Amino acid sequence: MKTSYKIFAVLVAGLFVAGAARAQEGRLHLNINYTISTPVGDFKDFINKTTYRSWAASLLYGINDKVSVGLGTGFQDFYQKYPRDTYKLEGGGDISAVVSNSVQAIPVLAQVQYNFSPQAIVQPYVGVGVGGNLILYRQFLGEFGSSKTKFGFAARPEAGVFIPFRKGGPAGITLRADYNCMPVNYNDLQGMDNWGAGIGVKFPLQ
């Protein structure tokens, strides 16, 4: 948990710095969301529990009142411990042990977002982010552990609503759902695709 908070602080600070640098070029918004994430597909064979240790953030520049572009990031922390069982070792033989699987993901995405009704009280939007994903893998089979850090492709389509604090205002609440596409192939981890849903706050940086 402490690691996730430190990563969060560093990335959000970076977004603020980037925002300040471009503040004179147009309206910038910072959107920070707390999310929950549920594994799907092959990822459920590695971890099948929903995680409540996730967040997402984006820094978006409004080209006009409907289209915004920018950068997105986040953090997801999945963990599951399986009861004692008998497992096959790679070098041959069996072992009776408790298995613990842990994997974290930190995406860095180029994002575009489209707001359907920028002057409405409730503003639906869709967006997509495409880029890279840093994956930190750890697995413990009893006292035997293995770890790996990988970087690969990531995509995050999303849809949600923005509810301004006042009609036409630049700040407000966001409700969102997304699908995180994270292809990865390492040992027992075959993909990290997951659904996410969250609530957050959006506000201008100028």
Protein backbone atom coordinates (compact mmCIF):
# COMPACT_ATOMS: atom_id res chain seq x y z
CA MET A 1 0.00 0.00 0.00
CA LYS A 2 2.79 2.47 0.86
CA THR A 3 4.37 1.80 -2.53
CA SER A 4 1.14 2.63 -4.36
CA TYR A 5 0.78 5.91 -2.44
CA LYS A 6 4.35 6.91 -3.30
CA ILE A 7 3.84 6.12 -7.00
CA PHE A 8 0.56 8.06 -6.91
CA ALA A 9 2.22 11.12 -5.39
CA VAL A 10 5.07 11.12 -7.90
CA LEU A 11 2.84 10.72 -10.96
CA VAL A 12 0.29 13.32 -9.86
CA ALA A 13 3.12 15.77 -9.12
CA GLY A 14 4.42 15.15 -12.63
CA LEU A 15 1.00 15.84 -14.10
CA PHE A 16 0.81 19.15 -12.21
CA VAL A 17 4.22 20.21 -13.50
CA ALA A 18 3.23 19.34 -17.07
CA GLY A 19 -0.01 21.24 -16.62
CA ALA A 20 1.74 24.38 -15.40
CA ALA A 21 4.06 24.30 -18.39
CA ARG A 22 1.16 24.34 -20.87
CA ALA A 23 -1.31 26.50 -18.95
CA GLN A 24 -0.94 29.43 -21.40
CA GLU A 25 -1.82 27.32 -24.46
CA GLY A 26 -5.43 26.43 -23.50
CA ARG A 27 -7.59 25.02 -20.76
CA LEU A 28 -6.13 21.99 -19.04
CA HIS A 29 -8.05 19.64 -16.75
CA LEU A 30 -6.75 17.14 -14.23
CA ASN A 31 -9.01 14.15 -13.58
CA ILE A 32 -8.24 11.82 -10.64
CA ASN A 33 -10.34 8.70 -10.00
CA TYR A 34 -10.47 6.00 -7.37
CA THR A 35 -11.31 2.72 -9.09
CA ILE A 36 -12.03 -0.93 -8.49
CA SER A 37 -10.82 -3.50 -11.02
CA THR A 38 -11.99 -7.04 -11.81
CA PRO A 39 -9.86 -9.58 -13.75
CA VAL A 40 -11.37 -11.13 -16.89
CA GLY A 41 -10.32 -13.82 -19.35
CA ASP A 42 -7.05 -15.68 -18.78
CA PHE A 43 -6.08 -13.24 -16.03
CA LYS A 44 -8.68 -14.93 -13.79
CA ASP A 45 -6.54 -18.09 -13.79
CA PHE A 46 -3.77 -16.14 -12.06
CA ILE A 47 -5.88 -13.83 -9.86
CA ASN A 48 -9.67 -13.87 -9.78
CA LYS A 49 -10.34 -11.38 -6.98
CA THR A 50 -11.51 -7.81 -7.54
CA THR A 51 -8.97 -5.28 -6.31
CA TYR A 52 -9.89 -2.11 -4.43
CA ARG A 53 -6.32 -0.79 -4.64
CA SER A 54 -6.48 1.11 -7.93
CA TRP A 55 -6.57 4.67 -9.22
CA ALA A 56 -6.45 6.44 -12.56
CA ALA A 57 -5.48 9.98 -13.53
CA SER A 58 -5.40 12.00 -16.73
CA LEU A 59 -4.25 15.45 -17.82
CA LEU A 60 -6.32 16.63 -20.78
CA TYR A 61 -6.08 19.71 -22.97
CA GLY A 62 -9.31 20.95 -24.54
CA ILE A 63 -8.92 21.44 -28.29
CA ASN A 64 -12.54 22.63 -28.28
CA ASP A 65 -15.57 22.17 -26.01
CA LYS A 66 -16.00 18.52 -27.07
CA VAL A 67 -12.56 17.08 -27.87
CA SER A 68 -9.67 16.81 -25.40
CA VAL A 69 -6.26 15.16 -25.76
CA GLY A 70 -3.52 14.45 -23.27
CA LEU A 71 -1.85 11.87 -21.07
CA GLY A 72 -3.19 9.23 -18.70
CA THR A 73 -1.69 6.99 -16.06
CA GLY A 74 -2.79 4.96 -13.04
CA PHE A 75 -1.96 2.12 -10.71
CA GLN A 76 -3.51 -1.32 -10.17
CA ASP A 77 -2.47 -3.72 -7.41
CA PHE A 78 -3.75 -7.31 -7.66
CA TYR A 79 -3.01 -9.95 -5.03
CA GLN A 80 -4.33 -13.40 -4.17
CA LYS A 81 -3.19 -16.20 -1.87
CA TYR A 82 -4.28 -19.74 -2.68
CA PRO A 83 -4.67 -22.48 -0.03
CA ARG A 84 -2.06 -25.19 0.38
CA ASP A 85 -2.01 -27.70 -2.45
CA THR A 86 0.42 -29.90 -4.37
CA TYR A 87 2.15 -28.20 -7.30
CA LYS A 88 4.57 -29.32 -10.00
CA LEU A 89 8.04 -27.75 -9.96
CA GLU A 90 9.64 -26.61 -13.24
CA GLY A 91 12.68 -28.79 -12.64
CA GLY A 92 10.54 -31.83 -11.85
CA GLY A 93 9.00 -33.14 -8.67
CA ASP A 94 6.10 -31.99 -6.53
CA ILE A 95 5.78 -29.56 -3.64
CA SER A 96 3.03 -28.99 -1.12
CA ALA A 97 2.82 -25.23 -0.56
CA VAL A 98 0.74 -22.08 -0.33
CA VAL A 99 0.87 -19.99 -3.52
CA SER A 100 0.78 -16.19 -3.46
CA ASN A 101 0.34 -14.25 -6.69
CA SER A 102 0.97 -10.51 -6.86
CA VAL A 103 1.04 -8.19 -9.86
CA GLN A 104 0.98 -4.42 -10.25
CA ALA A 105 0.40 -2.36 -13.39
CA ILE A 106 1.36 1.26 -14.16
CA PRO A 107 0.16 2.46 -17.60
CA VAL A 108 1.37 5.54 -19.48
CA LEU A 109 -1.14 6.42 -22.18
CA ALA A 110 -1.81 8.98 -24.89
CA GLN A 111 -5.49 9.83 -24.50
CA VAL A 112 -8.33 11.38 -26.45
CA GLN A 113 -11.77 12.12 -25.01
CA TYR A 114 -15.06 13.22 -26.59
CA ASN A 115 -17.77 15.02 -24.58
CA PHE A 116 -21.23 14.64 -26.15
CA SER A 117 -22.99 17.48 -24.24
CA PRO A 118 -20.47 20.01 -22.88
CA GLN A 119 -23.16 22.43 -21.62
CA ALA A 120 -25.51 19.89 -20.00
CA ILE A 121 -25.99 19.24 -16.30
CA VAL A 122 -24.91 15.62 -16.88
CA GLN A 123 -22.29 15.25 -19.64
CA PRO A 124 -21.69 11.76 -21.11
CA TYR A 125 -18.32 11.13 -22.67
CA VAL A 126 -16.18 8.40 -24.25
CA GLY A 127 -12.44 8.13 -24.50
CA VAL A 128 -9.52 5.89 -25.30
CA GLY A 129 -5.92 5.70 -24.20
CA VAL A 130 -3.12 3.82 -25.99
CA GLY A 131 0.48 3.39 -24.89
CA GLY A 132 2.68 1.27 -22.66
CA ASN A 133 2.28 -0.59 -19.41
CA LEU A 134 4.84 -1.37 -16.70
CA ILE A 135 4.03 -4.71 -15.05
CA LEU A 136 5.62 -5.90 -11.80
CA TYR A 137 5.14 -9.67 -11.37
CA ARG A 138 5.77 -11.70 -8.21
CA GLN A 139 4.86 -15.27 -7.32
CA PHE A 140 5.73 -17.25 -4.21
CA LEU A 141 5.41 -21.02 -4.11
CA GLY A 142 6.04 -21.68 -0.45
CA GLU A 143 9.57 -20.38 0.19
CA PHE A 144 10.41 -20.32 -3.53
CA GLY A 145 9.82 -16.96 -5.18
CA SER A 146 10.16 -15.46 -8.63
CA SER A 147 9.75 -11.91 -9.90
CA LYS A 148 9.83 -10.08 -13.20
CA THR A 149 9.38 -6.52 -14.44
CA LYS A 150 8.05 -6.14 -17.98
CA PHE A 151 6.96 -3.29 -20.22
CA GLY A 152 4.46 -3.80 -23.00
CA PHE A 153 1.42 -2.55 -24.87
CA ALA A 154 -1.63 -1.13 -23.06
CA ALA A 155 -5.00 0.26 -24.17
CA ARG A 156 -7.84 1.68 -22.08
CA PRO A 157 -11.20 2.54 -23.69
CA GLU A 158 -13.58 4.22 -21.26
CA ALA A 159 -17.02 5.77 -20.97
CA GLY A 160 -18.60 7.85 -18.26
CA VAL A 161 -20.34 11.03 -17.22
CA PHE A 162 -19.07 14.36 -15.96
CA ILE A 163 -21.33 16.21 -13.51
CA PRO A 164 -20.15 19.81 -13.00
CA PHE A 165 -20.54 21.43 -9.61
CA ARG A 166 -22.43 24.21 -11.41
CA LYS A 167 -23.97 24.22 -14.87
CA GLY A 168 -21.32 24.97 -17.47
CA GLY A 169 -18.59 24.92 -14.82
CA PRO A 170 -15.15 23.40 -15.47
CA ALA A 171 -14.93 21.39 -12.22
CA GLY A 172 -17.07 18.51 -11.03
CA ILE A 173 -17.52 14.81 -10.35
CA THR A 174 -16.75 12.02 -12.81
CA LEU A 175 -18.26 8.53 -12.89
CA ARG A 176 -16.51 6.15 -15.27
CA ALA A 177 -16.09 2.58 -16.45
CA ASP A 178 -13.17 1.27 -18.49
CA TYR A 179 -11.64 -1.85 -19.98
CA ASN A 180 -7.90 -2.29 -19.50
CA CYS A 181 -6.26 -4.31 -22.26
CA MET A 182 -2.87 -5.53 -21.03
CA PRO A 183 -1.38 -8.42 -23.04
CA VAL A 184 1.43 -10.16 -21.16
CA ASN A 185 2.85 -13.68 -21.27
CA TYR A 186 5.07 -14.74 -18.40
CA ASN A 187 4.92 -18.06 -16.51
CA ASP A 188 1.38 -18.46 -15.15
CA LEU A 189 0.40 -14.88 -16.01
CA GLN A 190 -1.33 -14.96 -19.38
CA GLY A 191 -2.81 -11.50 -19.87
CA MET A 192 -3.93 -8.84 -17.41
CA ASP A 193 -7.20 -7.68 -18.99
CA ASN A 194 -9.67 -6.26 -16.47
CA TRP A 195 -12.80 -4.18 -16.09
CA GLY A 196 -12.70 -1.05 -13.96
CA ALA A 197 -15.21 1.37 -12.49
CA GLY A 198 -14.59 4.47 -10.45
CA ILE A 199 -15.51 7.88 -9.14
CA GLY A 200 -13.35 10.96 -9.11
CA VAL A 201 -13.00 14.68 -9.45
CA LYS A 202 -12.13 16.83 -12.46
CA PHE A 203 -10.87 20.40 -12.19
CA PRO A 204 -9.01 22.97 -14.30
CA LEU A 205 -5.37 23.81 -13.71
CA GLN A 206 -5.74 27.47 -14.71
